[in-house]
Amino acid sequence: MPKLTASKEEIKGLAPLPEGLVTVRLDGFEPKTSSKKTSVNLNPVMKVINHAEFNDRRIFENLNTMGKWVWPDFCHAFGVAMVEQNGDFEFPGDWDGPESEPEKWQYRGPLLGQQAQIYLIQQDDTKGGVRNAVKYYVCKVQGCSTKHSANLAK
């Protein structure tokens, strides 16, 4: 029977990307109920593109349903404006699946396959290491007058 082994360095995972602007593509979402069971982490699947060294590297972001102030920044970065309905705003696209089981939700909408620029920083991962965090999203909605966040990683 073969033995599978890994060095200490190998099991630490990949080193964080350097700080700066990267271009990503949105390949979907992997929703999960939050640890407190009061909201849903949408977990967008964003992968670095057009980068010689980090192509296809995933960028992790929660995009929680309670953090609605981040939604316009996120959507606008992918070139999609929030949908206004009677003075309220709606996340663009549709979610299929039982409302009580976010892990089964499937997103259908205009964000899929779109590209965005995001500014990454490195911050403490609270476990003695460093991880990437999104500092801000670069808006690409033509004529946008929304005031976007300059530092989401506070």
C-alpha atoms as a PDB file:
ATOM      1  CA  MET A   1       0.000   0.000   0.000  1.00  0.00           C
ATOM      2  CA  PRO A   2       1.478   3.407  -0.969  1.00  0.00           C
ATOM      3  CA  LYS A   3       2.170   6.050   1.675  1.00  0.00           C
ATOM      4  CA  LEU A   4       1.220   9.650   0.941  1.00  0.00           C
ATOM      5  CA  THR A   5       3.585  12.144   2.532  1.00  0.00           C
ATOM      6  CA  ALA A   6       4.001  15.907   2.560  1.00  0.00           C
ATOM      7  CA  SER A   7       6.606  18.226   4.020  1.00  0.00           C
ATOM      8  CA  LYS A   8       5.737  20.893   6.584  1.00  0.00           C
ATOM      9  CA  GLU A   9       6.086  23.546   3.866  1.00  0.00           C
ATOM     10  CA  GLU A  10       3.801  21.683   1.444  1.00  0.00           C
ATOM     11  CA  ILE A  11       0.900  21.460   3.880  1.00  0.00           C
ATOM     12  CA  LYS A  12       1.028  25.178   4.699  1.00  0.00           C
ATOM     13  CA  GLY A  13      -0.527  25.959   1.345  1.00  0.00           C
ATOM     14  CA  LEU A  14       0.349  28.583  -1.207  1.00  0.00           C
ATOM     15  CA  ALA A  15       2.026  31.815  -0.190  1.00  0.00           C
ATOM     16  CA  PRO A  16      -0.200  34.906  -0.511  1.00  0.00           C
ATOM     17  CA  LEU A  17      -0.024  36.945  -3.687  1.00  0.00           C
ATOM     18  CA  PRO A  18       1.924  40.215  -3.547  1.00  0.00           C
ATOM     19  CA  GLU A  19      -0.051  43.362  -2.792  1.00  0.00           C
ATOM     20  CA  GLY A  20      -1.431  45.203  -5.793  1.00  0.00           C
ATOM     21  CA  LEU A  21      -3.988  45.141  -8.581  1.00  0.00           C
ATOM     22  CA  VAL A  22      -4.931  41.804 -10.144  1.00  0.00           C
ATOM     23  CA  THR A  23      -7.475  40.916 -12.800  1.00  0.00           C
ATOM     24  CA  VAL A  24      -9.912  38.155 -11.883  1.00  0.00           C
ATOM     25  CA  ARG A  25     -12.730  36.252 -13.579  1.00  0.00           C
ATOM     26  CA  LEU A  26     -15.884  35.253 -11.692  1.00  0.00           C
ATOM     27  CA  ASP A  27     -16.523  31.545 -12.264  1.00  0.00           C
ATOM     28  CA  GLY A  28     -19.446  31.168  -9.840  1.00  0.00           C
ATOM     29  CA  PHE A  29     -20.327  31.064  -6.171  1.00  0.00           C
ATOM     30  CA  GLU A  30     -20.079  28.410  -3.435  1.00  0.00           C
ATOM     31  CA  PRO A  31     -22.643  29.605  -0.852  1.00  0.00           C
ATOM     32  CA  LYS A  32     -22.475  28.312   2.721  1.00  0.00           C
ATOM     33  CA  THR A  33     -24.351  29.182   5.877  1.00  0.00           C
ATOM     34  CA  SER A  34     -22.203  31.380   8.157  1.00  0.00           C
ATOM     35  CA  SER A  35     -20.791  29.940  11.371  1.00  0.00           C
ATOM     36  CA  LYS A  36     -23.355  31.882  13.424  1.00  0.00           C
ATOM     37  CA  LYS A  37     -26.170  30.538  11.187  1.00  0.00           C
ATOM     38  CA  THR A  38     -27.560  34.090  10.772  1.00  0.00           C
ATOM     39  CA  SER A  39     -26.404  34.782   7.224  1.00  0.00           C
ATOM     40  CA  VAL A  40     -24.850  33.243   4.123  1.00  0.00           C
ATOM     41  CA  ASN A  41     -21.296  33.559   2.828  1.00  0.00           C
ATOM     42  CA  LEU A  42     -21.684  33.648  -0.958  1.00  0.00           C
ATOM     43  CA  ASN A  43     -18.010  32.693  -1.478  1.00  0.00           C
ATOM     44  CA  PRO A  44     -17.453  33.975  -5.018  1.00  0.00           C
ATOM     45  CA  VAL A  45     -15.082  31.841  -7.081  1.00  0.00           C
ATOM     46  CA  MET A  46     -12.684  34.478  -8.409  1.00  0.00           C
ATOM     47  CA  LYS A  47      -9.600  33.331 -10.309  1.00  0.00           C
ATOM     48  CA  VAL A  48      -6.615  35.432 -11.350  1.00  0.00           C
ATOM     49  CA  ILE A  49      -6.288  35.803 -15.116  1.00  0.00           C
ATOM     50  CA  ASN A  50      -3.746  37.339 -17.476  1.00  0.00           C
ATOM     51  CA  HIS A  51      -0.874  36.917 -15.012  1.00  0.00           C
ATOM     52  CA  ALA A  52       2.225  34.906 -15.926  1.00  0.00           C
ATOM     53  CA  GLU A  53       2.974  33.733 -12.377  1.00  0.00           C
ATOM     54  CA  PHE A  54      -0.442  33.543 -10.673  1.00  0.00           C
ATOM     55  CA  ASN A  55      -2.829  32.594 -13.487  1.00  0.00           C
ATOM     56  CA  ASP A  56      -5.823  30.501 -12.243  1.00  0.00           C
ATOM     57  CA  ARG A  57      -4.998  31.211  -8.580  1.00  0.00           C
ATOM     58  CA  ARG A  58      -8.173  31.582  -6.544  1.00  0.00           C
ATOM     59  CA  ILE A  59      -8.849  34.731  -4.533  1.00  0.00           C
ATOM     60  CA  PHE A  60     -10.940  34.054  -1.426  1.00  0.00           C
ATOM     61  CA  GLU A  61     -13.694  36.444  -0.347  1.00  0.00           C
ATOM     62  CA  ASN A  62     -16.780  35.742   1.792  1.00  0.00           C
ATOM     63  CA  LEU A  63     -19.238  38.307   0.381  1.00  0.00           C
ATOM     64  CA  ASN A  64     -21.671  37.818   3.257  1.00  0.00           C
ATOM     65  CA  THR A  65     -25.394  38.496   2.886  1.00  0.00           C
ATOM     66  CA  MET A  66     -25.257  40.755   5.972  1.00  0.00           C
ATOM     67  CA  GLY A  67     -22.514  42.913   4.395  1.00  0.00           C
ATOM     68  CA  LYS A  68     -24.785  44.480   1.811  1.00  0.00           C
ATOM     69  CA  TRP A  69     -22.661  47.661   1.621  1.00  0.00           C
ATOM     70  CA  VAL A  70     -20.036  45.579  -0.259  1.00  0.00           C
ATOM     71  CA  TRP A  71     -22.467  44.324  -2.921  1.00  0.00           C
ATOM     72  CA  PRO A  72     -22.351  47.446  -5.143  1.00  0.00           C
ATOM     73  CA  ASP A  73     -18.528  47.498  -5.060  1.00  0.00           C
ATOM     74  CA  PHE A  74     -18.406  43.803  -5.984  1.00  0.00           C
ATOM     75  CA  CYS A  75     -21.023  43.952  -8.750  1.00  0.00           C
ATOM     76  CA  HIS A  76     -19.707  47.210 -10.236  1.00  0.00           C
ATOM     77  CA  ALA A  77     -16.198  45.754 -10.440  1.00  0.00           C
ATOM     78  CA  PHE A  78     -17.581  43.110 -12.789  1.00  0.00           C
ATOM     79  CA  GLY A  79     -19.380  45.802 -14.797  1.00  0.00           C
ATOM     80  CA  VAL A  80     -22.877  44.983 -13.558  1.00  0.00           C
ATOM     81  CA  ALA A  81     -25.011  47.557 -11.736  1.00  0.00           C
ATOM     82  CA  MET A  82     -27.311  46.598  -8.879  1.00  0.00           C
ATOM     83  CA  VAL A  83     -30.952  46.178  -9.913  1.00  0.00           C
ATOM     84  CA  GLU A  84     -33.275  48.858  -8.511  1.00  0.00           C
ATOM     85  CA  GLN A  85     -36.829  47.792  -7.670  1.00  0.00           C
ATOM     86  CA  ASN A  86     -39.177  50.353  -6.060  1.00  0.00           C
ATOM     87  CA  GLY A  87     -36.337  52.165  -4.275  1.00  0.00           C
ATOM     88  CA  ASP A  88     -34.660  48.965  -3.056  1.00  0.00           C
ATOM     89  CA  PHE A  89     -31.644  47.318  -4.638  1.00  0.00           C
ATOM     90  CA  GLU A  90     -31.351  43.689  -5.604  1.00  0.00           C
ATOM     91  CA  PHE A  91     -28.274  41.576  -6.260  1.00  0.00           C
ATOM     92  CA  PRO A  92     -28.237  40.970 -10.052  1.00  0.00           C
ATOM     93  CA  GLY A  93     -29.171  37.490 -11.276  1.00  0.00           C
ATOM     94  CA  ASP A  94     -31.133  34.613  -9.779  1.00  0.00           C
ATOM     95  CA  TRP A  95     -30.412  31.945  -7.212  1.00  0.00           C
ATOM     96  CA  ASP A  96     -31.935  28.495  -7.663  1.00  0.00           C
ATOM     97  CA  GLY A  97     -32.319  26.070  -4.783  1.00  0.00           C
ATOM     98  CA  PRO A  98     -34.104  25.752  -1.452  1.00  0.00           C
ATOM     99  CA  GLU A  99     -33.917  28.968   0.586  1.00  0.00           C
ATOM    100  CA  SER A 100     -33.085  27.016   3.747  1.00  0.00           C
ATOM    101  CA  GLU A 101     -30.122  25.204   2.131  1.00  0.00           C
ATOM    102  CA  PRO A 102     -27.623  27.767   0.773  1.00  0.00           C
ATOM    103  CA  GLU A 103     -25.101  24.995   0.016  1.00  0.00           C
ATOM    104  CA  LYS A 104     -27.460  23.897  -2.786  1.00  0.00           C
ATOM    105  CA  TRP A 105     -27.934  27.358  -4.306  1.00  0.00           C
ATOM    106  CA  GLN A 106     -26.912  27.809  -7.921  1.00  0.00           C
ATOM    107  CA  TYR A 107     -26.351  31.304  -9.326  1.00  0.00           C
ATOM    108  CA  ARG A 108     -27.593  32.257 -12.784  1.00  0.00           C
ATOM    109  CA  GLY A 109     -26.852  35.778 -13.838  1.00  0.00           C
ATOM    110  CA  PRO A 110     -24.866  38.460 -15.596  1.00  0.00           C
ATOM    111  CA  LEU A 111     -21.862  38.322 -13.235  1.00  0.00           C
ATOM    112  CA  LEU A 112     -20.734  34.872 -14.397  1.00  0.00           C
ATOM    113  CA  GLY A 113     -17.654  34.918 -16.594  1.00  0.00           C
ATOM    114  CA  GLN A 114     -17.113  38.661 -16.148  1.00  0.00           C
ATOM    115  CA  GLN A 115     -13.717  40.151 -15.341  1.00  0.00           C
ATOM    116  CA  ALA A 116     -12.798  42.643 -12.631  1.00  0.00           C
ATOM    117  CA  GLN A 117      -9.782  44.357 -11.159  1.00  0.00           C
ATOM    118  CA  ILE A 118      -9.272  44.079  -7.416  1.00  0.00           C
ATOM    119  CA  TYR A 119      -6.588  45.480  -5.148  1.00  0.00           C
ATOM    120  CA  LEU A 120      -5.152  42.815  -2.844  1.00  0.00           C
ATOM    121  CA  ILE A 121      -3.300  43.385   0.386  1.00  0.00           C
ATOM    122  CA  GLN A 122      -1.655  40.976   2.791  1.00  0.00           C
ATOM    123  CA  GLN A 123      -2.959  40.799   6.341  1.00  0.00           C
ATOM    124  CA  ASP A 124      -2.616  38.652   9.445  1.00  0.00           C
ATOM    125  CA  ASP A 125      -4.625  35.443   9.209  1.00  0.00           C
ATOM    126  CA  THR A 126      -4.948  35.232  13.046  1.00  0.00           C
ATOM    127  CA  LYS A 127      -3.078  31.892  12.961  1.00  0.00           C
ATOM    128  CA  GLY A 128       0.436  33.287  12.812  1.00  0.00           C
ATOM    129  CA  GLY A 129       0.490  33.586   9.038  1.00  0.00           C
ATOM    130  CA  VAL A 130      -0.471  35.984   6.292  1.00  0.00           C
ATOM    131  CA  ARG A 131      -3.381  35.854   3.852  1.00  0.00           C
ATOM    132  CA  ASN A 132      -4.664  37.982   1.012  1.00  0.00           C
ATOM    133  CA  ALA A 133      -7.652  40.277   1.478  1.00  0.00           C
ATOM    134  CA  VAL A 134      -9.504  42.472  -0.992  1.00  0.00           C
ATOM    135  CA  LYS A 135      -8.791  46.117  -0.122  1.00  0.00           C
ATOM    136  CA  TYR A 136     -11.029  47.486  -2.859  1.00  0.00           C
ATOM    137  CA  TYR A 137     -12.762  46.666  -6.115  1.00  0.00           C
ATOM    138  CA  VAL A 138     -12.211  48.868  -9.186  1.00  0.00           C
ATOM    139  CA  CYS A 139     -15.559  50.039 -10.598  1.00  0.00           C
ATOM    140  CA  LYS A 140     -16.083  49.579 -14.323  1.00  0.00           C
ATOM    141  CA  VAL A 141     -19.725  50.687 -14.614  1.00  0.00           C
ATOM    142  CA  GLN A 142     -19.860  53.491 -17.178  1.00  0.00           C
ATOM    143  CA  GLY A 143     -20.923  56.836 -15.662  1.00  0.00           C
ATOM    144  CA  CYS A 144     -21.100  55.430 -12.119  1.00  0.00           C
ATOM    145  CA  SER A 145     -21.766  58.003  -9.402  1.00  0.00           C
ATOM    146  CA  THR A 146     -21.723  55.536  -6.483  1.00  0.00           C
ATOM    147  CA  LYS A 147     -19.165  56.256  -3.762  1.00  0.00           C
ATOM    148  CA  HIS A 148     -17.178  53.041  -3.540  1.00  0.00           C
ATOM    149  CA  SER A 149     -15.195  51.817  -0.518  1.00  0.00           C
ATOM    150  CA  ALA A 150     -11.486  52.617  -0.467  1.00  0.00           C
ATOM    151  CA  ASN A 151     -10.618  50.002   2.187  1.00  0.00           C
ATOM    152  CA  LEU A 152     -12.795  46.927   2.732  1.00  0.00           C
ATOM    153  CA  ALA A 153     -10.028  45.099   4.609  1.00  0.00           C
ATOM    154  CA  LYS A 154     -10.240  47.096   7.855  1.00  0.00           C
END
